[in-house]
């Protein structure tokens, strides 16, 4: 069986994947310019798929496009991130509720298998590889809700929060807690216990807000929220 041909679309997606990982690792820090020509030459591709890859990341919120200037890595404020997490919180609570009602036994088993894979490689595999598997776990629950509009909206907010979630996942103090929460979320789903899964999802995302706030304090010495022109943060 022959491999599928590489098209400009698939090449752009592959380039976007590599750039995304560089952003998450901090090799391209917030505010850093992404020079289309330089990056295309470095990766040995033409500028067309590189330009499309940058557009993909801009749609995800990881990159900001600027007229007549190089795009830059997004540098959201703490307020902006928490606002987005609050929306994600509502989406994942609804996903958990619907998944309890609609998930097939095969889907629940698949989510359990993802949980087991995360536990098996935690502490040994590359942190970013573990993180991507973690995001598959959350996306699988959303898919098991069988609501296309919910999946589309959740996917958009997940993309915007990739870097924030990765920064949270890297904190060593959160690792054991994350594994416990994954087990509890899967157990609640397997029991089709709506109240339990809502409790566990809320705790999981609440811990993420705490981790991200701590990261901002360590990085800047103060909340960048104070520099934002946005509204005062609402309670999580």
C-alpha atoms as a PDB file:
ATOM      1  CA  UNK A   1       0.000   0.000   0.000  1.00  0.00           C
ATOM      2  CA  UNK A   2       1.437   3.343  -1.064  1.00  0.00           C
ATOM      3  CA  UNK A   3       1.732   6.268   1.300  1.00  0.00           C
ATOM      4  CA  UNK A   4      -0.677   9.114   0.645  1.00  0.00           C
ATOM      5  CA  UNK A   5       0.896  11.852  -1.481  1.00  0.00           C
ATOM      6  CA  UNK A   6       2.150  14.923   0.336  1.00  0.00           C
ATOM      7  CA  UNK A   7       0.048  17.918  -0.679  1.00  0.00           C
ATOM      8  CA  UNK A   8       0.540  21.566   0.230  1.00  0.00           C
ATOM      9  CA  UNK A   9      -2.255  21.178   2.805  1.00  0.00           C
ATOM     10  CA  UNK A  10      -0.641  18.190   4.527  1.00  0.00           C
ATOM     11  CA  UNK A  11       2.788  19.829   4.346  1.00  0.00           C
ATOM     12  CA  UNK A  12       1.403  23.006   5.909  1.00  0.00           C
ATOM     13  CA  UNK A  13      -0.186  20.942   8.700  1.00  0.00           C
ATOM     14  CA  UNK A  14       3.129  19.174   9.346  1.00  0.00           C
ATOM     15  CA  UNK A  15       5.006  22.487   9.456  1.00  0.00           C
ATOM     16  CA  UNK A  16       2.359  23.928  11.793  1.00  0.00           C
ATOM     17  CA  UNK A  17       2.819  20.913  14.078  1.00  0.00           C
ATOM     18  CA  UNK A  18       6.575  21.519  14.307  1.00  0.00           C
ATOM     19  CA  UNK A  19       6.184  25.266  14.863  1.00  0.00           C
ATOM     20  CA  UNK A  20       3.547  24.586  17.516  1.00  0.00           C
ATOM     21  CA  UNK A  21       5.947  22.332  19.387  1.00  0.00           C
ATOM     22  CA  UNK A  22       8.671  24.991  19.196  1.00  0.00           C
ATOM     23  CA  UNK A  23       6.251  27.525  20.667  1.00  0.00           C
ATOM     24  CA  UNK A  24       5.194  25.160  23.448  1.00  0.00           C
ATOM     25  CA  UNK A  25       8.797  24.341  24.317  1.00  0.00           C
ATOM     26  CA  UNK A  26       9.651  28.032  24.491  1.00  0.00           C
ATOM     27  CA  UNK A  27      12.090  27.912  21.574  1.00  0.00           C
ATOM     28  CA  UNK A  28       9.810  30.554  20.060  1.00  0.00           C
ATOM     29  CA  UNK A  29       8.838  32.579  23.161  1.00  0.00           C
ATOM     30  CA  UNK A  30       5.851  34.944  23.437  1.00  0.00           C
ATOM     31  CA  UNK A  31       6.390  38.039  21.314  1.00  0.00           C
ATOM     32  CA  UNK A  32       9.080  36.421  19.148  1.00  0.00           C
ATOM     33  CA  UNK A  33       8.808  37.134  15.402  1.00  0.00           C
ATOM     34  CA  UNK A  34       8.253  34.219  13.035  1.00  0.00           C
ATOM     35  CA  UNK A  35      10.055  35.095   9.828  1.00  0.00           C
ATOM     36  CA  UNK A  36       8.424  33.318   6.941  1.00  0.00           C
ATOM     37  CA  UNK A  37      11.452  33.208   4.635  1.00  0.00           C
ATOM     38  CA  UNK A  38      13.971  32.222   7.328  1.00  0.00           C
ATOM     39  CA  UNK A  39      11.753  29.447   8.678  1.00  0.00           C
ATOM     40  CA  UNK A  40      10.987  28.161   5.183  1.00  0.00           C
ATOM     41  CA  UNK A  41      14.705  27.963   4.368  1.00  0.00           C
ATOM     42  CA  UNK A  42      15.491  26.297   7.695  1.00  0.00           C
ATOM     43  CA  UNK A  43      12.877  23.598   7.093  1.00  0.00           C
ATOM     44  CA  UNK A  44      13.708  23.226   3.406  1.00  0.00           C
ATOM     45  CA  UNK A  45      10.242  24.120   2.144  1.00  0.00           C
ATOM     46  CA  UNK A  46       8.793  26.835  -0.048  1.00  0.00           C
ATOM     47  CA  UNK A  47       7.198  29.919   1.442  1.00  0.00           C
ATOM     48  CA  UNK A  48       3.660  28.909   0.400  1.00  0.00           C
ATOM     49  CA  UNK A  49       3.193  26.002   2.875  1.00  0.00           C
ATOM     50  CA  UNK A  50       5.096  27.988   5.529  1.00  0.00           C
ATOM     51  CA  UNK A  51       2.674  30.888   5.066  1.00  0.00           C
ATOM     52  CA  UNK A  52      -0.291  28.511   5.361  1.00  0.00           C
ATOM     53  CA  UNK A  53       1.201  26.889   8.482  1.00  0.00           C
ATOM     54  CA  UNK A  54       1.486  30.307  10.107  1.00  0.00           C
ATOM     55  CA  UNK A  55      -2.155  30.983   9.223  1.00  0.00           C
ATOM     56  CA  UNK A  56      -3.139  27.713  10.916  1.00  0.00           C
ATOM     57  CA  UNK A  57      -1.365  28.798  14.101  1.00  0.00           C
ATOM     58  CA  UNK A  58      -2.929  32.257  13.864  1.00  0.00           C
ATOM     59  CA  UNK A  59      -6.377  30.669  13.697  1.00  0.00           C
ATOM     60  CA  UNK A  60      -5.469  28.672  16.811  1.00  0.00           C
ATOM     61  CA  UNK A  61      -4.443  31.861  18.605  1.00  0.00           C
ATOM     62  CA  UNK A  62      -0.796  30.842  18.997  1.00  0.00           C
ATOM     63  CA  UNK A  63       0.410  33.436  16.480  1.00  0.00           C
ATOM     64  CA  UNK A  64      -0.624  37.038  15.808  1.00  0.00           C
ATOM     65  CA  UNK A  65      -0.571  38.273  12.197  1.00  0.00           C
ATOM     66  CA  UNK A  66       0.578  41.866  11.583  1.00  0.00           C
ATOM     67  CA  UNK A  67       0.197  43.922   8.377  1.00  0.00           C
ATOM     68  CA  UNK A  68       3.489  44.383   6.495  1.00  0.00           C
ATOM     69  CA  UNK A  69       5.449  42.887   9.407  1.00  0.00           C
ATOM     70  CA  UNK A  70       6.469  39.408  10.526  1.00  0.00           C
ATOM     71  CA  UNK A  71       3.861  37.572  12.603  1.00  0.00           C
ATOM     72  CA  UNK A  72       4.728  37.080  16.264  1.00  0.00           C
ATOM     73  CA  UNK A  73       4.071  34.414  18.864  1.00  0.00           C
ATOM     74  CA  UNK A  74       0.978  35.386  20.847  1.00  0.00           C
ATOM     75  CA  UNK A  75       1.554  36.835  24.313  1.00  0.00           C
ATOM     76  CA  UNK A  76      -1.850  36.807  26.034  1.00  0.00           C
ATOM     77  CA  UNK A  77      -2.403  38.362  29.441  1.00  0.00           C
ATOM     78  CA  UNK A  78      -3.412  36.316  32.469  1.00  0.00           C
ATOM     79  CA  UNK A  79      -6.902  37.817  32.240  1.00  0.00           C
ATOM     80  CA  UNK A  80      -7.278  36.700  28.628  1.00  0.00           C
ATOM     81  CA  UNK A  81      -6.130  33.175  29.447  1.00  0.00           C
ATOM     82  CA  UNK A  82      -8.433  32.810  32.445  1.00  0.00           C
ATOM     83  CA  UNK A  83     -11.377  34.173  30.448  1.00  0.00           C
ATOM     84  CA  UNK A  84     -10.765  31.444  27.878  1.00  0.00           C
ATOM     85  CA  UNK A  85     -10.363  28.743  30.532  1.00  0.00           C
ATOM     86  CA  UNK A  86     -13.730  29.736  32.000  1.00  0.00           C
ATOM     87  CA  UNK A  87     -15.342  29.119  28.609  1.00  0.00           C
ATOM     88  CA  UNK A  88     -13.439  25.829  28.273  1.00  0.00           C
ATOM     89  CA  UNK A  89     -14.657  24.914  31.772  1.00  0.00           C
ATOM     90  CA  UNK A  90     -18.294  25.243  30.685  1.00  0.00           C
ATOM     91  CA  UNK A  91     -17.648  23.290  27.482  1.00  0.00           C
ATOM     92  CA  UNK A  92     -15.912  20.411  29.267  1.00  0.00           C
ATOM     93  CA  UNK A  93     -18.627  20.189  31.931  1.00  0.00           C
ATOM     94  CA  UNK A  94     -21.221  19.862  29.163  1.00  0.00           C
ATOM     95  CA  UNK A  95     -19.014  17.369  27.331  1.00  0.00           C
ATOM     96  CA  UNK A  96     -18.727  15.222  30.439  1.00  0.00           C
ATOM     97  CA  UNK A  97     -22.481  15.291  31.016  1.00  0.00           C
ATOM     98  CA  UNK A  98     -23.317  14.366  27.426  1.00  0.00           C
ATOM     99  CA  UNK A  99     -20.588  11.714  27.274  1.00  0.00           C
ATOM    100  CA  UNK A 100     -22.091  10.027  30.344  1.00  0.00           C
ATOM    101  CA  UNK A 101     -25.383   9.847  28.465  1.00  0.00           C
ATOM    102  CA  UNK A 102     -24.179   9.073  24.940  1.00  0.00           C
ATOM    103  CA  UNK A 103     -20.754   7.421  24.958  1.00  0.00           C
ATOM    104  CA  UNK A 104     -20.545   3.870  23.687  1.00  0.00           C
ATOM    105  CA  UNK A 105     -18.816   1.228  25.765  1.00  0.00           C
ATOM    106  CA  UNK A 106     -16.080   1.109  23.116  1.00  0.00           C
ATOM    107  CA  UNK A 107     -15.510   4.855  23.461  1.00  0.00           C
ATOM    108  CA  UNK A 108     -15.294   4.594  27.238  1.00  0.00           C
ATOM    109  CA  UNK A 109     -12.796   1.753  26.878  1.00  0.00           C
ATOM    110  CA  UNK A 110     -10.769   3.845  24.423  1.00  0.00           C
ATOM    111  CA  UNK A 111     -10.658   6.750  26.876  1.00  0.00           C
ATOM    112  CA  UNK A 112      -9.499   4.315  29.546  1.00  0.00           C
ATOM    113  CA  UNK A 113      -6.760   3.084  27.220  1.00  0.00           C
ATOM    114  CA  UNK A 114      -5.548   6.669  26.732  1.00  0.00           C
ATOM    115  CA  UNK A 115      -5.480   7.116  30.512  1.00  0.00           C
ATOM    116  CA  UNK A 116      -3.407   3.941  30.847  1.00  0.00           C
ATOM    117  CA  UNK A 117      -0.958   5.057  28.134  1.00  0.00           C
ATOM    118  CA  UNK A 118      -0.451   8.391  29.899  1.00  0.00           C
ATOM    119  CA  UNK A 119       0.262   6.619  33.191  1.00  0.00           C
ATOM    120  CA  UNK A 120       2.645   4.186  31.494  1.00  0.00           C
ATOM    121  CA  UNK A 121       4.884   6.870  29.994  1.00  0.00           C
ATOM    122  CA  UNK A 122       4.557   9.603  32.637  1.00  0.00           C
ATOM    123  CA  UNK A 123       7.973  10.605  33.945  1.00  0.00           C
ATOM    124  CA  UNK A 124       9.833   8.720  31.214  1.00  0.00           C
ATOM    125  CA  UNK A 125       8.680  10.118  27.865  1.00  0.00           C
ATOM    126  CA  UNK A 126       9.197  13.628  26.548  1.00  0.00           C
ATOM    127  CA  UNK A 127       6.964  16.065  28.446  1.00  0.00           C
ATOM    128  CA  UNK A 128       5.464  17.390  25.231  1.00  0.00           C
ATOM    129  CA  UNK A 129       4.618  13.884  23.996  1.00  0.00           C
ATOM    130  CA  UNK A 130       2.809  13.187  27.281  1.00  0.00           C
ATOM    131  CA  UNK A 131       0.995  16.503  27.000  1.00  0.00           C
ATOM    132  CA  UNK A 132      -0.240  15.744  23.475  1.00  0.00           C
ATOM    133  CA  UNK A 133      -1.561  12.390  24.704  1.00  0.00           C
ATOM    134  CA  UNK A 134      -3.257  14.208  27.590  1.00  0.00           C
ATOM    135  CA  UNK A 135      -5.023  16.487  25.094  1.00  0.00           C
ATOM    136  CA  UNK A 136      -6.184  13.390  23.195  1.00  0.00           C
ATOM    137  CA  UNK A 137      -7.757  12.157  26.444  1.00  0.00           C
ATOM    138  CA  UNK A 138      -9.797  15.345  26.808  1.00  0.00           C
ATOM    139  CA  UNK A 139     -10.713  15.458  23.121  1.00  0.00           C
ATOM    140  CA  UNK A 140     -11.895  11.839  23.251  1.00  0.00           C
ATOM    141  CA  UNK A 141     -14.383  12.717  25.997  1.00  0.00           C
ATOM    142  CA  UNK A 142     -15.697  15.579  23.874  1.00  0.00           C
ATOM    143  CA  UNK A 143     -15.993  13.260  20.865  1.00  0.00           C
ATOM    144  CA  UNK A 144     -17.943  10.796  23.027  1.00  0.00           C
ATOM    145  CA  UNK A 145     -20.515  13.539  23.694  1.00  0.00           C
ATOM    146  CA  UNK A 146     -21.611  13.202  20.045  1.00  0.00           C
ATOM    147  CA  UNK A 147     -22.342  16.896  19.525  1.00  0.00           C
ATOM    148  CA  UNK A 148     -20.629  18.380  16.468  1.00  0.00           C
ATOM    149  CA  UNK A 149     -21.192  22.019  17.463  1.00  0.00           C
ATOM    150  CA  UNK A 150     -19.743  21.362  20.908  1.00  0.00           C
ATOM    151  CA  UNK A 151     -16.734  19.566  19.415  1.00  0.00           C
ATOM    152  CA  UNK A 152     -16.009  22.439  17.013  1.00  0.00           C
ATOM    153  CA  UNK A 153     -16.234  25.086  19.735  1.00  0.00           C
ATOM    154  CA  UNK A 154     -14.193  23.030  22.179  1.00  0.00           C
ATOM    155  CA  UNK A 155     -11.525  22.439  19.531  1.00  0.00           C
ATOM    156  CA  UNK A 156     -11.181  26.174  18.939  1.00  0.00           C
ATOM    157  CA  UNK A 157     -10.710  26.934  22.644  1.00  0.00           C
ATOM    158  CA  UNK A 158      -8.365  23.977  23.125  1.00  0.00           C
ATOM    159  CA  UNK A 159      -6.172  25.375  20.356  1.00  0.00           C
ATOM    160  CA  UNK A 160      -6.085  28.831  21.955  1.00  0.00           C
ATOM    161  CA  UNK A 161      -5.052  27.327  25.275  1.00  0.00           C
ATOM    162  CA  UNK A 162      -2.394  24.885  24.058  1.00  0.00           C
ATOM    163  CA  UNK A 163       0.526  26.827  25.497  1.00  0.00           C
ATOM    164  CA  UNK A 164      -1.241  27.642  28.765  1.00  0.00           C
ATOM    165  CA  UNK A 165      -2.212  24.003  29.286  1.00  0.00           C
ATOM    166  CA  UNK A 166       1.310  22.865  28.476  1.00  0.00           C
ATOM    167  CA  UNK A 167       2.797  25.284  31.004  1.00  0.00           C
ATOM    168  CA  UNK A 168       0.371  23.905  33.582  1.00  0.00           C
ATOM    169  CA  UNK A 169       1.165  20.284  32.711  1.00  0.00           C
ATOM    170  CA  UNK A 170       4.918  20.877  33.111  1.00  0.00           C
ATOM    171  CA  UNK A 171       4.644  21.773  36.788  1.00  0.00           C
ATOM    172  CA  UNK A 172       5.988  18.780  38.721  1.00  0.00           C
ATOM    173  CA  UNK A 173       3.733  19.334  41.715  1.00  0.00           C
ATOM    174  CA  UNK A 174       0.678  18.836  39.498  1.00  0.00           C
ATOM    175  CA  UNK A 175       1.704  15.526  37.921  1.00  0.00           C
ATOM    176  CA  UNK A 176       0.471  13.078  40.562  1.00  0.00           C
ATOM    177  CA  UNK A 177      -2.714  15.094  40.928  1.00  0.00           C
ATOM    178  CA  UNK A 178      -3.310  15.003  37.161  1.00  0.00           C
ATOM    179  CA  UNK A 179      -3.000  11.211  37.085  1.00  0.00           C
ATOM    180  CA  UNK A 180      -5.428  10.861  39.996  1.00  0.00           C
ATOM    181  CA  UNK A 181      -7.877  13.199  38.302  1.00  0.00           C
ATOM    182  CA  UNK A 182      -7.680  11.288  35.023  1.00  0.00           C
ATOM    183  CA  UNK A 183      -8.505   8.069  36.869  1.00  0.00           C
ATOM    184  CA  UNK A 184     -11.414   9.739  38.638  1.00  0.00           C
ATOM    185  CA  UNK A 185     -12.764  11.282  35.423  1.00  0.00           C
ATOM    186  CA  UNK A 186     -12.641   7.933  33.633  1.00  0.00           C
ATOM    187  CA  UNK A 187     -14.227   6.120  36.587  1.00  0.00           C
ATOM    188  CA  UNK A 188     -17.078   8.647  36.659  1.00  0.00           C
ATOM    189  CA  UNK A 189     -17.592   8.259  32.912  1.00  0.00           C
ATOM    190  CA  UNK A 190     -17.557   4.465  33.148  1.00  0.00           C
ATOM    191  CA  UNK A 191     -20.197   4.675  35.900  1.00  0.00           C
ATOM    192  CA  UNK A 192     -22.106   7.265  33.823  1.00  0.00           C
ATOM    193  CA  UNK A 193     -22.194   9.431  36.943  1.00  0.00           C
ATOM    194  CA  UNK A 194     -22.866  12.987  35.721  1.00  0.00           C
ATOM    195  CA  UNK A 195     -22.387  14.673  39.105  1.00  0.00           C
ATOM    196  CA  UNK A 196     -19.073  12.907  39.696  1.00  0.00           C
ATOM    197  CA  UNK A 197     -17.622  13.722  36.292  1.00  0.00           C
ATOM    198  CA  UNK A 198     -18.604  17.384  36.659  1.00  0.00           C
ATOM    199  CA  UNK A 199     -16.891  17.512  40.050  1.00  0.00           C
ATOM    200  CA  UNK A 200     -13.699  15.939  38.699  1.00  0.00           C
ATOM    201  CA  UNK A 201     -13.564  18.062  35.533  1.00  0.00           C
ATOM    202  CA  UNK A 202     -14.080  21.231  37.596  1.00  0.00           C
ATOM    203  CA  UNK A 203     -11.241  20.232  39.943  1.00  0.00           C
ATOM    204  CA  UNK A 204      -8.982  19.434  36.986  1.00  0.00           C
ATOM    205  CA  UNK A 205      -9.500  22.817  35.329  1.00  0.00           C
ATOM    206  CA  UNK A 206      -9.375  24.669  38.649  1.00  0.00           C
ATOM    207  CA  UNK A 207      -5.912  23.209  39.250  1.00  0.00           C
ATOM    208  CA  UNK A 208      -4.883  24.394  35.794  1.00  0.00           C
ATOM    209  CA  UNK A 209      -5.873  27.979  36.622  1.00  0.00           C
ATOM    210  CA  UNK A 210      -3.811  27.793  39.829  1.00  0.00           C
ATOM    211  CA  UNK A 211      -0.794  26.457  37.917  1.00  0.00           C
ATOM    212  CA  UNK A 212      -1.021  29.137  35.246  1.00  0.00           C
ATOM    213  CA  UNK A 213      -1.411  31.927  37.792  1.00  0.00           C
ATOM    214  CA  UNK A 214       1.671  30.611  39.625  1.00  0.00           C
ATOM    215  CA  UNK A 215       3.602  30.547  36.348  1.00  0.00           C
ATOM    216  CA  UNK A 216       2.732  34.173  35.631  1.00  0.00           C
ATOM    217  CA  UNK A 217       3.838  35.199  39.120  1.00  0.00           C
ATOM    218  CA  UNK A 218       7.162  33.407  38.712  1.00  0.00           C
ATOM    219  CA  UNK A 219       7.741  34.739  35.189  1.00  0.00           C
ATOM    220  CA  UNK A 220       6.908  38.386  35.755  1.00  0.00           C
ATOM    221  CA  UNK A 221       6.811  38.944  39.501  1.00  0.00           C
ATOM    222  CA  UNK A 222       3.265  40.221  39.131  1.00  0.00           C
ATOM    223  CA  UNK A 223       0.082  39.383  37.284  1.00  0.00           C
ATOM    224  CA  UNK A 224       0.239  40.615  33.718  1.00  0.00           C
ATOM    225  CA  UNK A 225      -3.461  41.015  34.324  1.00  0.00           C
ATOM    226  CA  UNK A 226      -2.595  44.384  35.865  1.00  0.00           C
ATOM    227  CA  UNK A 227      -1.288  45.555  32.490  1.00  0.00           C
ATOM    228  CA  UNK A 228      -4.357  44.374  30.625  1.00  0.00           C
ATOM    229  CA  UNK A 229      -7.110  46.771  29.637  1.00  0.00           C
ATOM    230  CA  UNK A 230      -9.652  43.992  30.032  1.00  0.00           C
ATOM    231  CA  UNK A 231     -12.204  43.574  32.830  1.00  0.00           C
ATOM    232  CA  UNK A 232     -11.329  42.377  36.307  1.00  0.00           C
ATOM    233  CA  UNK A 233     -10.964  38.616  36.555  1.00  0.00           C
ATOM    234  CA  UNK A 234     -14.106  36.753  37.531  1.00  0.00           C
ATOM    235  CA  UNK A 235     -13.975  33.950  40.046  1.00  0.00           C
ATOM    236  CA  UNK A 236     -13.147  30.581  38.431  1.00  0.00           C
END
